[in-house]
Amino acid sequence: MKTERNKQRETSIFILDARQTNFIGEF
């Protein structure tokens, strides 16, 4: 259970980082 939850958290953080990078890259 903990492992799956951690994986989901890492995935969501990775997606957020990618969005921020793309958002900053646009400017």
PDB file of N, CA and C in Angstrom:
ATOM      1  N   MET A   1       0.843  -1.209   0.000  1.00  0.00           N
ATOM      2  CA  MET A   1       0.000   0.000   0.000  1.00  0.00           C
ATOM      3  C   MET A   1       0.875   1.254   0.000  1.00  0.00           C
ATOM      4  N   LYS A   2       1.835   1.295   0.918  1.00  0.00           N
ATOM      5  CA  LYS A   2       2.683   2.491   1.002  1.00  0.00           C
ATOM      6  C   LYS A   2       3.469   2.680  -0.292  1.00  0.00           C
ATOM      7  N   THR A   3       3.976   1.564  -0.844  1.00  0.00           N
ATOM      8  CA  THR A   3       4.783   1.674  -2.063  1.00  0.00           C
ATOM      9  C   THR A   3       3.944   2.266  -3.194  1.00  0.00           C
ATOM     10  N   GLU A   4       2.719   1.764  -3.366  1.00  0.00           N
ATOM     11  CA  GLU A   4       1.870   2.277  -4.446  1.00  0.00           C
ATOM     12  C   GLU A   4       1.573   3.754  -4.231  1.00  0.00           C
ATOM     13  N   ARG A   5       1.316   4.120  -2.977  1.00  0.00           N
ATOM     14  CA  ARG A   5       0.992   5.525  -2.687  1.00  0.00           C
ATOM     15  C   ARG A   5       2.199   6.406  -2.998  1.00  0.00           C
ATOM     16  N   ASN A   6       3.383   5.945  -2.634  1.00  0.00           N
ATOM     17  CA  ASN A   6       4.592   6.722  -2.915  1.00  0.00           C
ATOM     18  C   ASN A   6       4.790   6.859  -4.417  1.00  0.00           C
ATOM     19  N   LYS A   7       4.530   5.784  -5.160  1.00  0.00           N
ATOM     20  CA  LYS A   7       4.693   5.841  -6.618  1.00  0.00           C
ATOM     21  C   LYS A   7       3.749   6.886  -7.203  1.00  0.00           C
ATOM     22  N   GLN A   8       2.502   6.875  -6.746  1.00  0.00           N
ATOM     23  CA  GLN A   8       1.536   7.853  -7.262  1.00  0.00           C
ATOM     24  C   GLN A   8       1.990   9.263  -6.934  1.00  0.00           C
ATOM     25  N   ARG A   9       2.540   9.443  -5.711  1.00  0.00           N
ATOM     26  CA  ARG A   9       2.990  10.775  -5.300  1.00  0.00           C
ATOM     27  C   ARG A   9       4.149  11.212  -6.191  1.00  0.00           C
ATOM     28  N   GLU A  10       5.099  10.311  -6.440  1.00  0.00           N
ATOM     29  CA  GLU A  10       6.241  10.656  -7.294  1.00  0.00           C
ATOM     30  C   GLU A  10       5.760  10.989  -8.698  1.00  0.00           C
ATOM     31  N   THR A  11       4.786  10.205  -9.198  1.00  0.00           N
ATOM     32  CA  THR A  11       4.276  10.452 -10.545  1.00  0.00           C
ATOM     33  C   THR A  11       3.624  11.827 -10.625  1.00  0.00           C
ATOM     34  N   SER A  12       2.791  12.155  -9.639  1.00  0.00           N
ATOM     35  CA  SER A  12       2.106  13.456  -9.650  1.00  0.00           C
ATOM     36  C   SER A  12       3.127  14.582  -9.564  1.00  0.00           C
ATOM     37  N   ILE A  13       4.158  14.415  -8.737  1.00  0.00           N
ATOM     38  CA  ILE A  13       5.191  15.455  -8.614  1.00  0.00           C
ATOM     39  C   ILE A  13       5.930  15.587  -9.940  1.00  0.00           C
ATOM     40  N   PHE A  14       6.232  14.450 -10.572  1.00  0.00           N
ATOM     41  CA  PHE A  14       6.947  14.486 -11.852  1.00  0.00           C
ATOM     42  C   PHE A  14       6.116  15.231 -12.893  1.00  0.00           C
ATOM     43  N   ILE A  15       4.819  14.964 -12.923  1.00  0.00           N
ATOM     44  CA  ILE A  15       3.938  15.643 -13.881  1.00  0.00           C
ATOM     45  C   ILE A  15       3.907  17.136 -13.581  1.00  0.00           C
ATOM     46  N   LEU A  16       3.817  17.500 -12.301  1.00  0.00           N
ATOM     47  CA  LEU A  16       3.787  18.922 -11.936  1.00  0.00           C
ATOM     48  C   LEU A  16       5.083  19.592 -12.371  1.00  0.00           C
ATOM     49  N   ASP A  17       6.228  18.921 -12.155  1.00  0.00           N
ATOM     50  CA  ASP A  17       7.511  19.498 -12.565  1.00  0.00           C
ATOM     51  C   ASP A  17       7.515  19.720 -14.074  1.00  0.00           C
ATOM     52  N   ALA A  18       7.018  18.753 -14.828  1.00  0.00           N
ATOM     53  CA  ALA A  18       6.998  18.876 -16.285  1.00  0.00           C
ATOM     54  C   ALA A  18       6.118  20.053 -16.691  1.00  0.00           C
ATOM     55  N   ARG A  19       4.971  20.199 -16.029  1.00  0.00           N
ATOM     56  CA  ARG A  19       4.078  21.319 -16.363  1.00  0.00           C
ATOM     57  C   ARG A  19       4.760  22.648 -16.068  1.00  0.00           C
ATOM     58  N   GLN A  20       5.418  22.744 -14.915  1.00  0.00           N
ATOM     59  CA  GLN A  20       6.087  23.997 -14.556  1.00  0.00           C
ATOM     60  C   GLN A  20       7.181  24.308 -15.570  1.00  0.00           C
ATOM     61  N   THR A  21       7.935  23.285 -15.980  1.00  0.00           N
ATOM     62  CA  THR A  21       9.017  23.494 -16.947  1.00  0.00           C
ATOM     63  C   THR A  21       8.433  24.012 -18.259  1.00  0.00           C
ATOM     64  N   ASN A  22       7.354  23.381 -18.733  1.00  0.00           N
ATOM     65  CA  ASN A  22       6.729  23.819 -19.975  1.00  0.00           C
ATOM     66  C   ASN A  22       6.169  25.231 -19.818  1.00  0.00           C
ATOM     67  N   PHE A  23       5.563  25.502 -18.669  1.00  0.00           N
ATOM     68  CA  PHE A  23       4.968  26.815 -18.424  1.00  0.00           C
ATOM     69  C   PHE A  23       6.048  27.888 -18.455  1.00  0.00           C
ATOM     70  N   ILE A  24       7.175  27.625 -17.786  1.00  0.00           N
ATOM     71  CA  ILE A  24       8.275  28.602 -17.771  1.00  0.00           C
ATOM     72  C   ILE A  24       8.888  28.697 -19.166  1.00  0.00           C
ATOM     73  N   GLY A  25       8.969  27.572 -19.863  1.00  0.00           N
ATOM     74  CA  GLY A  25       9.582  27.565 -21.189  1.00  0.00           C
ATOM     75  C   GLY A  25       8.798  28.418 -22.180  1.00  0.00           C
ATOM     76  N   GLU A  26       7.499  28.582 -21.948  1.00  0.00           N
ATOM     77  CA  GLU A  26       6.696  29.369 -22.883  1.00  0.00           C
ATOM     78  C   GLU A  26       7.069  30.843 -22.821  1.00  0.00           C
ATOM     79  N   PHE A  27       7.578  31.297 -21.672  1.00  0.00           N
ATOM     80  CA  PHE A  27       7.863  32.724 -21.521  1.00  0.00           C
ATOM     81  C   PHE A  27       9.302  33.057 -21.844  1.00  0.00           C
TER      82      PHE A  27
END
